């Protein structure tokens, strides 16, 4: 089992590192305080669920007209999309032009038909991780429930077989091993948010930690 205390303290220290604003990056596509990488670092809570296409499913529930459960076959029957976006991690690395393939999150939500009083989303992962975003962010046209990256099936270490991708937020909002999407009226901070990470996580505003 992972050393939870050490893991959490280490990642919080990275988020809090230099609470003052950084100077603008010379590369205008990279937010302040970030460093460009050409590799895809692997960061998680130390638990990688034993998942593949045969035992994965996605539930959408909460403030919706109709709860839905999608298995792998059902996911692939939905309209598929490709999107190239930049990926910014709170631990201060950025990767540009990452090619994702999957289904737009808004297309999945449209099947469940969110109620008018639904304002926020909690994302649940198979490792019991949670994170939160506003529903309006979830409906952006670049938010993808992804199953491929770099033209290959999404590997387990990167959140496969299915993860969320939210390009306009730091990557902890892009939940790996996506298990469920829950809609509710009030905001509910997730795993890192209750431990001090910024609730909004906008990399261009350097919203790393709640003190930022």
Protein backbone atom coordinates (compact mmCIF):
# COMPACT_ATOMS: atom_id res chain seq x y z
CA UNK A 1 0.00 0.00 0.00
CA UNK A 2 1.24 3.52 -0.67
CA UNK A 3 2.50 5.81 2.07
CA UNK A 4 -0.57 8.08 1.96
CA UNK A 5 0.77 10.71 4.34
CA UNK A 6 4.05 11.10 2.47
CA UNK A 7 2.34 11.06 -0.93
CA UNK A 8 -0.23 13.70 0.00
CA UNK A 9 2.27 15.95 1.75
CA UNK A 10 4.61 15.78 -1.24
CA UNK A 11 1.98 16.76 -3.77
CA UNK A 12 0.63 19.54 -1.58
CA UNK A 13 4.17 20.89 -1.23
CA UNK A 14 4.48 21.01 -5.01
CA UNK A 15 1.16 22.81 -5.32
CA UNK A 16 2.14 25.35 -2.67
CA UNK A 17 5.66 25.87 -4.01
CA UNK A 18 6.08 29.54 -4.62
CA UNK A 19 2.66 30.88 -3.69
CA UNK A 20 3.61 34.18 -5.28
CA UNK A 21 2.80 34.57 -8.96
CA UNK A 22 5.51 33.42 -11.37
CA UNK A 23 6.83 35.47 -14.25
CA UNK A 24 5.09 34.89 -17.61
CA UNK A 25 6.50 31.96 -19.56
CA UNK A 26 8.45 32.81 -22.71
CA UNK A 27 6.34 30.22 -24.53
CA UNK A 28 2.89 31.81 -24.61
CA UNK A 29 1.22 28.38 -24.72
CA UNK A 30 2.68 27.38 -21.37
CA UNK A 31 1.20 28.92 -18.19
CA UNK A 32 3.48 30.66 -15.70
CA UNK A 33 5.36 28.32 -13.39
CA UNK A 34 5.18 25.39 -15.81
CA UNK A 35 7.98 23.51 -17.60
CA UNK A 36 7.55 21.87 -20.99
CA UNK A 37 7.93 18.10 -21.19
CA UNK A 38 7.81 15.75 -24.15
CA UNK A 39 7.16 12.69 -22.00
CA UNK A 40 3.93 11.83 -20.21
CA UNK A 41 4.73 11.66 -16.46
CA UNK A 42 2.76 9.19 -14.38
CA UNK A 43 1.12 10.52 -11.21
CA UNK A 44 -1.63 8.87 -9.17
CA UNK A 45 -2.61 7.94 -5.61
CA UNK A 46 -0.51 4.79 -5.67
CA UNK A 47 -3.42 2.48 -6.51
CA UNK A 48 -4.07 1.40 -10.09
CA UNK A 49 -7.35 -0.45 -10.48
CA UNK A 50 -7.35 -3.77 -12.34
CA UNK A 51 -9.46 -2.52 -15.22
CA UNK A 52 -9.91 -3.25 -18.89
CA UNK A 53 -12.67 -3.02 -21.46
CA UNK A 54 -14.38 -6.13 -20.10
CA UNK A 55 -15.00 -4.86 -16.55
CA UNK A 56 -15.21 -1.11 -17.06
CA UNK A 57 -18.49 0.83 -17.02
CA UNK A 58 -19.57 4.42 -16.51
CA UNK A 59 -22.59 5.53 -14.51
CA UNK A 60 -24.26 8.95 -14.75
CA UNK A 61 -26.56 9.71 -11.83
CA UNK A 62 -27.82 12.35 -9.44
CA UNK A 63 -29.85 15.29 -10.71
CA UNK A 64 -30.72 13.76 -14.08
CA UNK A 65 -33.95 12.70 -15.72
CA UNK A 66 -32.55 9.26 -16.47
CA UNK A 67 -29.65 7.44 -14.84
CA UNK A 68 -27.49 5.67 -17.38
CA UNK A 69 -24.85 2.95 -17.32
CA UNK A 70 -22.48 2.64 -20.25
CA UNK A 71 -20.28 -0.37 -20.85
CA UNK A 72 -17.39 -0.41 -23.29
CA UNK A 73 -19.50 -1.44 -26.27
CA UNK A 74 -22.09 1.25 -25.54
CA UNK A 75 -19.38 3.90 -25.28
CA UNK A 76 -17.97 3.01 -28.68
CA UNK A 77 -21.42 3.22 -30.26
CA UNK A 78 -21.66 6.91 -29.35
CA UNK A 79 -20.31 9.60 -31.72
CA UNK A 80 -16.52 9.53 -31.50
CA UNK A 81 -14.34 12.62 -31.58
CA UNK A 82 -10.68 13.58 -31.74
CA UNK A 83 -9.20 16.63 -30.09
CA UNK A 84 -5.68 17.98 -29.72
CA UNK A 85 -5.16 19.96 -26.53
CA UNK A 86 -2.47 21.02 -24.09
CA UNK A 87 -2.16 19.26 -20.73
CA UNK A 88 -1.05 21.16 -17.61
CA UNK A 89 -0.25 19.40 -14.33
CA UNK A 90 -0.24 21.20 -11.00
CA UNK A 91 3.15 19.59 -10.31
CA UNK A 92 4.53 22.12 -12.80
CA UNK A 93 4.87 20.30 -16.10
CA UNK A 94 3.00 20.90 -19.33
CA UNK A 95 2.68 18.77 -22.44
CA UNK A 96 1.56 20.38 -25.68
CA UNK A 97 -0.55 19.00 -28.52
CA UNK A 98 -1.79 15.84 -26.84
CA UNK A 99 -4.10 13.97 -29.27
CA UNK A 100 -7.07 12.44 -27.47
CA UNK A 101 -9.87 10.28 -28.84
CA UNK A 102 -13.16 9.49 -27.17
CA UNK A 103 -16.65 10.85 -26.63
CA UNK A 104 -17.55 14.42 -25.74
CA UNK A 105 -18.65 14.56 -22.12
CA UNK A 106 -21.64 16.67 -23.11
CA UNK A 107 -22.84 13.92 -25.47
CA UNK A 108 -22.85 11.45 -22.60
CA UNK A 109 -24.60 13.91 -20.30
CA UNK A 110 -27.24 14.57 -22.93
CA UNK A 111 -28.30 10.93 -22.67
CA UNK A 112 -29.03 11.42 -18.97
CA UNK A 113 -30.61 14.87 -19.44
CA UNK A 114 -29.39 16.97 -16.49
CA UNK A 115 -32.13 18.67 -14.49
CA UNK A 116 -32.30 22.47 -14.41
CA UNK A 117 -31.15 22.53 -10.79
CA UNK A 118 -27.96 20.60 -11.59
CA UNK A 119 -25.01 23.00 -11.34
CA UNK A 120 -22.00 20.90 -10.38
CA UNK A 121 -20.40 17.56 -11.17
CA UNK A 122 -18.47 15.13 -9.01
CA UNK A 123 -16.24 12.73 -10.92
CA UNK A 124 -15.73 9.34 -9.30
CA UNK A 125 -12.82 7.05 -10.16
CA UNK A 126 -12.25 3.34 -9.66
CA UNK A 127 -9.48 4.08 -7.15
CA UNK A 128 -12.01 6.03 -5.02
CA UNK A 129 -10.57 9.35 -6.15
CA UNK A 130 -13.01 12.22 -6.61
CA UNK A 131 -12.81 15.71 -8.05
CA UNK A 132 -15.35 18.42 -8.82
CA UNK A 133 -16.07 20.84 -11.65
CA UNK A 134 -18.98 23.10 -12.59
CA UNK A 135 -21.45 21.53 -15.00
CA UNK A 136 -20.87 24.37 -17.46
CA UNK A 137 -17.19 23.39 -17.65
CA UNK A 138 -18.14 19.76 -18.23
CA UNK A 139 -20.18 20.87 -21.23
CA UNK A 140 -17.24 22.59 -22.98
CA UNK A 141 -16.54 21.32 -26.48
CA UNK A 142 -13.04 20.10 -25.56
CA UNK A 143 -13.93 18.00 -22.51
CA UNK A 144 -13.60 14.37 -23.54
CA UNK A 145 -14.27 10.98 -21.99
CA UNK A 146 -11.12 9.57 -23.57
CA UNK A 147 -10.12 6.02 -24.44
CA UNK A 148 -7.18 6.70 -26.80
CA UNK A 149 -4.15 8.97 -26.65
CA UNK A 150 -1.36 9.28 -29.22
CA UNK A 151 -3.40 6.98 -31.48
CA UNK A 152 -3.17 4.11 -29.00
CA UNK A 153 -5.58 2.70 -26.41
CA UNK A 154 -5.22 4.56 -23.12
CA UNK A 155 -2.91 2.54 -20.89
CA UNK A 156 -3.83 1.76 -17.30
CA UNK A 157 -1.03 3.90 -15.87
CA UNK A 158 -2.49 6.91 -17.67
CA UNK A 159 -6.02 6.24 -16.47
CA UNK A 160 -7.19 3.66 -18.98
CA UNK A 161 -9.29 2.23 -20.26
CA UNK A 162 -11.23 5.50 -19.85
CA UNK A 163 -10.43 8.85 -18.25
CA UNK A 164 -11.77 12.37 -18.40
CA UNK A 165 -9.81 15.18 -20.06
CA UNK A 166 -10.51 18.79 -19.03
CA UNK A 167 -7.89 20.86 -20.90
CA UNK A 168 -8.75 24.24 -19.37
CA UNK A 169 -8.03 23.04 -15.82
CA UNK A 170 -5.00 21.59 -14.06
CA UNK A 171 -4.83 17.88 -14.68
CA UNK A 172 -6.08 16.72 -11.28
CA UNK A 173 -9.54 17.64 -12.60
CA UNK A 174 -9.04 15.14 -15.46
CA UNK A 175 -10.02 12.09 -13.43
CA UNK A 176 -8.32 8.81 -14.32
CA UNK A 177 -10.15 5.46 -14.37
CA UNK A 178 -13.48 7.21 -14.69
CA UNK A 179 -16.27 5.30 -12.95
CA UNK A 180 -19.17 7.70 -12.46
CA UNK A 181 -20.40 11.21 -13.12
CA UNK A 182 -22.65 12.59 -10.39
CA UNK A 183 -24.68 15.77 -10.85
CA UNK A 184 -25.89 17.88 -7.95
CA UNK A 185 -27.04 21.39 -7.08
CA UNK A 186 -24.25 22.37 -4.69
CA UNK A 187 -20.49 22.18 -5.11
CA UNK A 188 -18.75 19.27 -3.36
CA UNK A 189 -14.96 19.51 -3.13
CA UNK A 190 -13.09 16.35 -4.09
CA UNK A 191 -10.01 14.50 -2.82
CA UNK A 192 -7.41 17.20 -3.45
CA UNK A 193 -9.77 20.14 -3.02
CA UNK A 194 -10.53 19.26 0.62
CA UNK A 195 -6.77 19.01 1.19
CA UNK A 196 -6.18 22.57 0.05
CA UNK A 197 -5.91 22.45 -3.73
CA UNK A 198 -7.69 25.34 -5.44
CA UNK A 199 -11.32 24.62 -6.23
CA UNK A 200 -11.20 26.15 -9.73
CA UNK A 201 -7.75 24.98 -10.93
CA UNK A 202 -7.30 27.41 -13.82
CA UNK A 203 -3.64 27.03 -14.93
CA UNK A 204 -3.60 30.47 -16.56
CA UNK A 205 -4.48 32.05 -13.22
CA UNK A 206 -2.05 29.75 -11.37
CA UNK A 207 -4.88 28.44 -9.20
CA UNK A 208 -2.79 25.67 -7.68
CA UNK A 209 -3.52 25.97 -3.99
CA UNK A 210 -6.39 27.65 -2.16
CA UNK A 211 -4.02 30.37 -0.95
CA UNK A 212 -3.25 31.39 -4.56
